[in-house]
Structures are given as structure tokens and as C-alpha cells.
Amino acid sequence: MGSYEKIFKAYDIRGIVPDELDEQVAESVGAAFVRLTGAPSLVTVHDMRTSSRPLAEAFARGAAAQGADVIEGGLGSTDMLYYASGSLGMPGAMITASHNPAKYNGIKLCREGARPVGADTGLTELRDSAARGLPPSHGTPGVIVQRDLLSGYAAHLKKLVDLSAIRPLTVAVDAGNGMAGHTVPKVFAGLPLTVVPLYFELDGTFPNHEANPIEPQNLRDLQRAVIDSEADIGLAFDGDADRCFVVDEHGHIVSPSVLTALIAVRELAREPGAAVIHNLITSRAVPEIITEHGGTPVRTRVGHSFIKARMAETGAVFGGEHSGHFYFRDFWYADSGMLAALHVLAALGEQQAPLSEILAGYGRYVATGEINSEVADQAGATDRVRAEFASRPGVTADELDGLTITGDGWWFNLRPSNTEPLLRLNLEAGEEDTMLRLRDEVLGIVRG
């Protein structure tokens, strides 16, 4: 079971192809997923990596061998899988490694209605079942059929955001050779948008830059394109297009916390008093703004399965993460980078002010953004940071998710990646000199 234990993470499956994840593993997971859910049918979608279609077909074979019918949606984004699961009322599997390098692939799973499957909600049981292997079903094998899901997905998103009154906009879009190159043209069709496309060609080798917009270097081409084309806004998506990052008209990167606050205000205007989820790494400005607009902020740990579960518990109308994931109650509590992008385009297009002016009131603090450090002993490095800071006067520590240290006018969180040998640092303060001083001190301890 060693290889299975390695590739099963907290809320998805991810590993190097074919050494850790191959068609045999995918077929076993497909079979075990049918046993786990008991579903008579399920849906699959896959990204543009060269290994994705074979893995999706293997997953479908395993599911069909256990008697489940399979709808193959083909190429699509992760949020298209959630649309399919929600609208069709069946479990689903997305074959993708998201922003990971080309040598990786993975499987994201959801139950009927896009409900999450994580370590505490069936993923551990699924791992053990797949590792043991399942005998073929003695019943009739399921039927595998192909179906276009893109048209319905695009139409559904545009029903959730009113774009009828927006002014003409020039929008630069960096698809990163990922699935946004497939979905953006369909979703944006018919809207008063002039698109400046970057890297729309589907290519799982990522020849231009990593499809990971949380890293600032991966946004440089978009920033340049916004300036050169005099665009009103720039949008960047990750490999499976479930995350969206924004660049304003000056080429400045917009914090996902600012976008969380903006979309929260829009959703609270539609549903006053609602709960809004934010993870513990979003800016402290987010709960402040939610409260100021009559909402109830709910703090939670990082990760889509945790946030979706908390949203369902609280009935929250919206949720946002520092990583560019945005969740919507009316989208089956699932995350959609494209739906977030449509909200920002609506907010911009409904008035004449530039994006930077619209967003000026949503950023109140100075933050590092996410800084990754490759560390062999993640627990040891975290312990060193805890020992250095936790005993200082006026400083508190909590471990809801990783290590969060809070002082007078500043805070930082240090947490291990669920998919890579990294420690992730996020730090925020009221003044830049405080932020820079603390950043350097923490990184010095982490990196030795």
C-alpha cells in the first residue's frame, strides 16, 4: 500500500506519472469510488496533460467494471466537473494535477452535488479499498458515453452573475496553456469583452511558465500584456482553471483577499446578513469588511474540502481563500475561478471607475503574499519558529491549520503543503517595515 499512501493527500490524489500514478492505479480508484459511493452513474472530466485522457479512460473502465454508467465530459476545468456533478446529480472525478509541474497528475473527487471527498469524508477508506483491489462485479458492466458539458457550464455561470449592463472592457487573459484556454472563449462569448489572449494553446508541458498564478513570476507576462494593450483588467488561471488571479489596469497584482472582500460585499448586497467563509490566511481586512457590511465572518482552515463542509454547515453564501479559490453557495458550495472572474468583471463593468479605484478600499494591510520554502524537516522548522515567537510578551499562537502567530498589529501563518515538500509562509502587518522585518526573521529560522 506504500505508493497509495504517498499519493493520497488530505483532499485529493496526486503523484508522479507513471512512477506513482498510472492507469492501473486510476482503474483501481475508479472501481473503489463506485463501491464507496454506491452510485449507479458518475461523470469524469480531464485536463490537457498528456497522461490525463488515458487516466480518465482507465478510471472509467474501473467504474464501469463495478456496474456504474460513466459520462465522459472530456476536456474541461475542475469547476466544469463540479457543474456536471451538481446539475446531473452524480459523483464525479477530475483528472488533473492543477498547478503542479508536468510530471505530475492527480484525481479530484466529489460526491453527488459536488460534495467534497477528503481524508475525513471517504478518501482514506477509498485509498485502502483501491490498494487492496476489488474483484470484478458479477452484475452487468456499466455503459461509458461521451457528452458535451462545456455549453451547459458556460450558460449556467452566466445565469449566476448579471452581466447585462456592463460596459465594453478590454480583458487580458493568461491561460498558462491550461484549461482556461478551452473554457474562456465559450464563457466570454456574447459579452462586450475584447480579449487579449496569452497561452491559450492547451499544452500540459507548460512551455511558457508554470500554470500557478500564486507565484508572482508567473504573472509577469500578463502584467506586461495589460500595460501594452491598455487593458482594463488582467485575469490569470491555473492549470485546471479553478483558481483566478487578477491584475489591475496598472499591471499591479490584486490580492485574493481583496477579491474575497469585493465578492463578499456583492453577495451580501444580494443576501444581507449572510455568513461568509474566509480561511485563516486571508487578510484581517476580510472579516472586518464582512462585518461592516452586515455579514457574519466564519474563519476556517485551508483546503477546499474543509471550506465546502463549513459552508454547508453554516449556509454561507460565499467563501474565499488566499490561494485564489472562491466558493459559491449557488454553485453547489464549490469553487470556481471563472465565476469569481465574472463577478469582478461585473463589478468593473457596472461603473466607469478603473479597477484600481474600485478596489482601493478593500486592502488595508501590507502582506508578503505566500512564500514557499523547500524544507526537509517541516515539523522541525515549525517547532523552531514556535519556540522563538510563542514566549514573547503579547504574542499568541494557535494551530487550527499549521502554526498561526499573532502579535500587536501583525500575524503570520506557517503551514506545510499537502502536495509538495514545502513550508508556506503568509504574513501581514500594519506597516511595511514591520512586515519586512518579521518576514526576514521567520524565513531565517525556517531556512536555517
Foldseek 3Di string as FASTA:
>chain_A
DVLLVQQAFFFWGKDFPPVRPALLLLLLLLLLVCVQQVDQEEEEEEKQQPRTVSSRVSSQNSNQLQRHAYEYQYYAFPLLRLLCLQVVQAKYKYWAPWQDANRMIIIGIAGRLRATDGPVRCSVVSSVSSVVGDDGHPDHGYHYYYDHSQLVVLVVLCVVFPQPQFDAFEEEEEALLARCLVRVVNNCPPHNYHYRYHNSHNDSNSPPDGQQVLDPVVCPVQLVVLQVVLGLKYWGAIRSQLFIWIAGSNSHTDFQLLLLQLVLLVQCVVPPAFEEEEEPQRDPLNCVSCVVRRYHYDYAHDDLNGQLVVCVVRVGQKYTYRRRWIAGVVSSRHTHNVSSVSSLSSQPRNDPDGSCVVSVVRDQWDKDRKDKDQAPDLVVLLVQVCVVQPPDPQWHWDPSAAIWIDHDFKIKGWHADRNHNIIIIMIIGRDDVVNVVVVVVSVVSNVD
